[in-house]
Every structure is written in C-alpha cells, then in structure tokens.
C-alpha atoms as a PDB file:
ATOM      1  CA  MET A   1      -9.019   2.259  26.645  1.00  0.00           C
ATOM      2  CA  LEU A   2      -9.279   5.809  26.089  1.00  0.00           C
ATOM      3  CA  PRO A   3      -9.417   8.635  29.193  1.00  0.00           C
ATOM      4  CA  THR A   4     -12.662   9.496  30.518  1.00  0.00           C
ATOM      5  CA  ASP A   5     -13.077  13.039  28.878  1.00  0.00           C
ATOM      6  CA  SER A   6     -12.004  12.144  25.402  1.00  0.00           C
ATOM      7  CA  GLY A   7     -13.075  10.238  21.656  1.00  0.00           C
ATOM      8  CA  ILE A   8     -11.960   9.284  18.618  1.00  0.00           C
ATOM      9  CA  ILE A   9     -12.860   8.370  15.001  1.00  0.00           C
ATOM     10  CA  ILE A  10     -11.297   6.231  12.244  1.00  0.00           C
ATOM     11  CA  PRO A  11     -11.942   7.708   9.473  1.00  0.00           C
ATOM     12  CA  LYS A  12     -11.615   5.172   6.581  1.00  0.00           C
ATOM     13  CA  THR A  13     -11.333   1.003   7.662  1.00  0.00           C
ATOM     14  CA  LYS A  14     -10.256  -1.606   5.655  1.00  0.00           C
ATOM     15  CA  ASP A  15     -14.235  -1.436   4.267  1.00  0.00           C
ATOM     16  CA  GLY A  16     -14.425   1.967   3.802  1.00  0.00           C
ATOM     17  CA  ARG A  17     -16.419   2.474   7.375  1.00  0.00           C
ATOM     18  CA  LEU A  18     -16.052   4.582  10.305  1.00  0.00           C
ATOM     19  CA  ILE A  19     -15.783   3.713  13.806  1.00  0.00           C
ATOM     20  CA  PHE A  20     -16.310   6.086  16.598  1.00  0.00           C
ATOM     21  CA  VAL A  21     -14.731   4.969  20.062  1.00  0.00           C
ATOM     22  CA  ILE A  22     -16.963   7.144  22.749  1.00  0.00           C
ATOM     23  CA  ASN A  23     -16.541   6.781  26.788  1.00  0.00           C
ATOM     24  CA  TYR A  24     -19.590   6.157  27.774  1.00  0.00           C
ATOM     25  CA  LEU A  25     -20.648   5.855  31.621  1.00  0.00           C
ATOM     26  CA  GLY A  26     -16.356   4.753  32.189  1.00  0.00           C
ATOM     27  CA  ASN A  27     -16.805   2.303  29.806  1.00  0.00           C
ATOM     28  CA  THR A  28     -15.771   2.664  26.160  1.00  0.00           C
ATOM     29  CA  MET A  29     -18.277   2.149  23.201  1.00  0.00           C
ATOM     30  CA  VAL A  30     -16.715   1.551  20.001  1.00  0.00           C
ATOM     31  CA  GLY A  31     -19.531   1.422  16.816  1.00  0.00           C
ATOM     32  CA  THR A  32     -19.052   1.808  13.554  1.00  0.00           C
ATOM     33  CA  THR A  33     -21.149   3.296  10.795  1.00  0.00           C
ATOM     34  CA  ASP A  34     -24.046   2.633   8.105  1.00  0.00           C
ATOM     35  CA  GLU A  35     -23.659  -0.817   6.260  1.00  0.00           C
ATOM     36  CA  LYS A  36     -26.832  -1.944   3.990  1.00  0.00           C
ATOM     37  CA  THR A  37     -28.889  -4.875   5.151  1.00  0.00           C
ATOM     38  CA  GLU A  38     -32.045  -6.818   4.999  1.00  0.00           C
ATOM     39  CA  ILE A  39     -35.134  -6.070   6.620  1.00  0.00           C
ATOM     40  CA  SER A  40     -34.838  -8.570   9.627  1.00  0.00           C
ATOM     41  CA  HIS A  41     -37.723  -8.945  13.156  1.00  0.00           C
ATOM     42  CA  THR A  42     -34.106  -9.576  14.863  1.00  0.00           C
ATOM     43  CA  VAL A  43     -31.061  -7.658  14.212  1.00  0.00           C
ATOM     44  CA  GLY A  44     -27.751  -8.590  15.840  1.00  0.00           C
ATOM     45  CA  PRO A  45     -23.442  -8.693  15.711  1.00  0.00           C
ATOM     46  CA  ASP A  46     -22.498 -11.148  14.623  1.00  0.00           C
ATOM     47  CA  GLN A  47     -19.271 -12.500  15.523  1.00  0.00           C
ATOM     48  CA  THR A  48     -17.375 -11.629  12.435  1.00  0.00           C
ATOM     49  CA  GLU A  49     -19.263  -7.714  12.851  1.00  0.00           C
ATOM     50  CA  ILE A  50     -17.202  -8.085  16.419  1.00  0.00           C
ATOM     51  CA  ASP A  51     -13.588  -9.461  15.841  1.00  0.00           C
ATOM     52  CA  PHE A  52     -13.458  -7.015  12.360  1.00  0.00           C
ATOM     53  CA  ILE A  53     -14.437  -3.858  15.027  1.00  0.00           C
ATOM     54  CA  THR A  54     -11.865  -5.460  17.332  1.00  0.00           C
ATOM     55  CA  SER A  55      -9.507  -5.575  14.567  1.00  0.00           C
ATOM     56  CA  GLU A  56      -9.384  -2.510  13.424  1.00  0.00           C
ATOM     57  CA  LEU A  57      -9.028  -1.632  17.139  1.00  0.00           C
ATOM     58  CA  ARG A  58      -6.172  -3.544  17.033  1.00  0.00           C
ATOM     59  CA  GLN A  59      -4.668  -1.236  14.668  1.00  0.00           C
ATOM     60  CA  VAL A  60      -4.873   1.988  16.536  1.00  0.00           C
ATOM     61  CA  PHE A  61      -4.175   0.553  20.626  1.00  0.00           C
ATOM     62  CA  GLY A  62      -2.158  -2.043  19.644  1.00  0.00           C
ATOM     63  CA  GLU A  63      -2.296  -5.777  20.942  1.00  0.00           C
ATOM     64  CA  ASN A  64      -1.935  -5.141  25.169  1.00  0.00           C
ATOM     65  CA  TYR A  65      -5.556  -4.451  24.947  1.00  0.00           C
ATOM     66  CA  ASP A  66      -7.111  -8.064  26.163  1.00  0.00           C
ATOM     67  CA  TYR A  67     -10.187  -7.084  23.193  1.00  0.00           C
ATOM     68  CA  GLN A  68     -12.697 -10.440  23.659  1.00  0.00           C
ATOM     69  CA  GLY A  69     -12.045 -10.046  28.091  1.00  0.00           C
ATOM     70  CA  ASN A  70     -13.123  -6.430  28.223  1.00  0.00           C
ATOM     71  CA  LEU A  71     -16.073  -6.987  25.925  1.00  0.00           C
ATOM     72  CA  LEU A  72     -19.308  -6.262  28.317  1.00  0.00           C
ATOM     73  CA  SER A  73     -21.694  -6.025  25.623  1.00  0.00           C
ATOM     74  CA  ALA A  74     -22.509  -6.001  21.719  1.00  0.00           C
ATOM     75  CA  TRP A  75     -25.324  -4.797  20.041  1.00  0.00           C
ATOM     76  CA  SER A  76     -26.985  -3.652  16.621  1.00  0.00           C
ATOM     77  CA  GLY A  77     -29.535  -1.205  15.232  1.00  0.00           C
ATOM     78  CA  THR A  78     -31.834  -0.876  12.051  1.00  0.00           C
ATOM     79  CA  ARG A  79     -32.734   2.703  10.592  1.00  0.00           C
ATOM     80  CA  PRO A  80     -34.324   3.701   7.070  1.00  0.00           C
ATOM     81  CA  LEU A  81     -31.678   6.403   5.458  1.00  0.00           C
ATOM     82  CA  VAL A  82     -32.815   9.691   3.682  1.00  0.00           C
ATOM     83  CA  LYS A  83     -33.659   8.168   0.799  1.00  0.00           C
ATOM     84  CA  GLU A  84     -35.230   4.352  -0.951  1.00  0.00           C
ATOM     85  CA  THR A  85     -33.701   3.765  -4.512  1.00  0.00           C
ATOM     86  CA  GLU A  86     -36.779   1.351  -6.330  1.00  0.00           C
ATOM     87  CA  GLU A  87     -35.711  -1.950  -5.431  1.00  0.00           C
ATOM     88  CA  ASP A  88     -35.144  -0.985  -1.327  1.00  0.00           C
ATOM     89  CA  VAL A  89     -39.401   0.536  -2.191  1.00  0.00           C
ATOM     90  CA  ARG A  90     -40.764  -3.014  -3.455  1.00  0.00           C
ATOM     91  CA  ARG A  91     -38.241  -4.899  -0.630  1.00  0.00           C
ATOM     92  CA  LYS A  92     -40.064  -3.765   2.024  1.00  0.00           C
ATOM     93  CA  ALA A  93     -43.720  -3.477   0.307  1.00  0.00           C
ATOM     94  CA  GLU A  94     -42.838  -7.025  -0.300  1.00  0.00           C
ATOM     95  CA  TYR A  95     -42.465  -7.813   3.157  1.00  0.00           C
ATOM     96  CA  LEU A  96     -44.560  -5.654   4.956  1.00  0.00           C
ATOM     97  CA  GLY A  97     -47.312  -6.850   2.647  1.00  0.00           C
ATOM     98  CA  ILE A  98     -48.145  -3.320   1.313  1.00  0.00           C
ATOM     99  CA  GLU A  99     -49.946  -2.432  -2.520  1.00  0.00           C
ATOM    100  CA  THR A 100     -47.491  -1.003  -4.888  1.00  0.00           C
ATOM    101  CA  ASP A 101     -50.181  -0.114  -7.335  1.00  0.00           C
ATOM    102  CA  PRO A 102     -51.258   3.430  -7.658  1.00  0.00           C
ATOM    103  CA  ALA A 103     -54.603   2.846  -8.823  1.00  0.00           C
ATOM    104  CA  LYS A 104     -55.266   0.184  -6.129  1.00  0.00           C
ATOM    105  CA  LYS A 105     -54.300   2.252  -2.941  1.00  0.00           C
ATOM    106  CA  THR A 106     -55.972   2.745  -0.478  1.00  0.00           C
ATOM    107  CA  TYR A 107     -56.563   6.726   0.313  1.00  0.00           C
ATOM    108  CA  ARG A 108     -54.525   6.417   3.531  1.00  0.00           C
ATOM    109  CA  GLN A 109     -51.485   4.774   1.995  1.00  0.00           C
ATOM    110  CA  LEU A 110     -51.894   7.552  -0.655  1.00  0.00           C
ATOM    111  CA  MET A 111     -51.251  10.312   2.484  1.00  0.00           C
ATOM    112  CA  ARG A 112     -48.781   7.920   4.431  1.00  0.00           C
ATOM    113  CA  GLU A 113     -46.732   8.435   1.112  1.00  0.00           C
ATOM    114  CA  ARG A 114     -46.962  12.212   0.389  1.00  0.00           C
ATOM    115  CA  PHE A 115     -45.812  12.386   4.741  1.00  0.00           C
ATOM    116  CA  GLN A 116     -43.086   9.942   3.809  1.00  0.00           C
ATOM    117  CA  ASP A 117     -42.340  12.365   0.725  1.00  0.00           C
ATOM    118  CA  SER A 118     -41.811  15.227   2.288  1.00  0.00           C
ATOM    119  CA  VAL A 119     -40.387  14.019   5.093  1.00  0.00           C
ATOM    120  CA  VAL A 120     -37.117  12.060   2.806  1.00  0.00           C
ATOM    121  CA  ARG A 121     -36.844  16.038   1.038  1.00  0.00           C
ATOM    122  CA  LEU A 122     -36.554  17.762   4.315  1.00  0.00           C
ATOM    123  CA  GLY A 123     -34.011  15.049   5.859  1.00  0.00           C
ATOM    124  CA  ALA A 124     -32.431  15.727   2.179  1.00  0.00           C
ATOM    125  CA  ARG A 125     -32.385  19.434   2.557  1.00  0.00           C
ATOM    126  CA  ILE A 126     -31.129  18.885   6.115  1.00  0.00           C
ATOM    127  CA  HIS A 127     -28.376  16.191   5.788  1.00  0.00           C
ATOM    128  CA  ASN A 128     -27.419  17.952   1.971  1.00  0.00           C
ATOM    129  CA  LYS A 129     -27.797  14.603   0.427  1.00  0.00           C
ATOM    130  CA  LYS A 130     -29.083  13.890  -3.154  1.00  0.00           C
ATOM    131  CA  GLY A 131     -29.363  10.943  -4.553  1.00  0.00           C
ATOM    132  CA  ALA A 132     -29.959   6.986  -3.928  1.00  0.00           C
ATOM    133  CA  THR A 133     -29.451   4.881  -0.494  1.00  0.00           C
ATOM    134  CA  SER A 134     -30.017   2.006   1.071  1.00  0.00           C
ATOM    135  CA  ALA A 135     -32.966   1.669   2.953  1.00  0.00           C
ATOM    136  CA  ILE A 136     -32.477  -0.027   5.584  1.00  0.00           C
ATOM    137  CA  SER A 137     -29.108   0.258   6.992  1.00  0.00           C
ATOM    138  CA  ARG A 138     -27.358  -1.301   9.996  1.00  0.00           C
ATOM    139  CA  ASN A 139     -24.726   0.002  12.598  1.00  0.00           C
ATOM    140  CA  HIS A 140     -22.688  -1.680  15.456  1.00  0.00           C
ATOM    141  CA  VAL A 141     -21.796  -0.554  18.736  1.00  0.00           C
ATOM    142  CA  ILE A 142     -19.744  -3.030  21.326  1.00  0.00           C
ATOM    143  CA  GLU A 143     -19.290  -2.146  25.032  1.00  0.00           C
ATOM    144  CA  PHE A 144     -15.534  -2.942  26.692  1.00  0.00           C
ATOM    145  CA  SER A 145     -14.677  -2.424  30.479  1.00  0.00           C
END
C-alpha cells in the first residue's frame, strides 16, 4: 500500500476517529483510535470494524487493492484512559466486585486509590487533558500484505 519508509494519517473518518497507516516489517499496519467500549475478558475486532477500516482505506487508496485478499491479521485491545467518569468508576467497581463505600474500604484499597489518583493527575499534566473521558477504550489494528 505504501513505500517501505512511509506512513500516513487519515485525520477524520465518518465517525470522527482517525486512522493511521504505517509500514511495519514489510507489511502495512492500519489502525484506529479509541472508541468507548464495555469491560470484557475477550477483546477482538468484529467484521463491522474491519469493514469500516477498509471502507475508509478505499476512499484514500482506491478500489484496485484487494483488501480482503491481502488481510493477514486483525486484533484489538483495551486500555484505560487518563480520567474516569463517575459512571465508569461505578461500572468497573461492579464488574470487579470492588467496594465503593468509603466507610467500608480497606487501607489497601484507599492507598491504591491515592496512587491511581496521582497517576491520573500526572497523566493529565503530561497529556494536557482536562475533563472526563471514557475509562476503557478499544483500539483496532489490521495488517495487510
């Protein structure tokens, strides 16, 4: 798709995310930015996401490339973002079985929260982000030959 030492960013897609395209070890890697997702033990791209990415690529690279035939692999992963909303905290606590009532928390839970709060503040300073965002987000990457 691209020369060996090249990469591009498609800055705005139909749903507002961006897509990156880079060469990695001779293959083209294409990925999207974050989208809000539910917490799950199993994470993987579905065909809808693969179709979305390939449709966005067609607008840039055209129809002459066999996107489905050259698809080597597809994966996705989740990660926490810098700041959690109250809803995110509640969902995560419910999912993990964590106590949210301050009067019932153990010393260990309180220390963990203080540490996490300091990481959030440091991350906010590093990334210059303010305000609440999704706590868990999902990224997708697909690889073409």
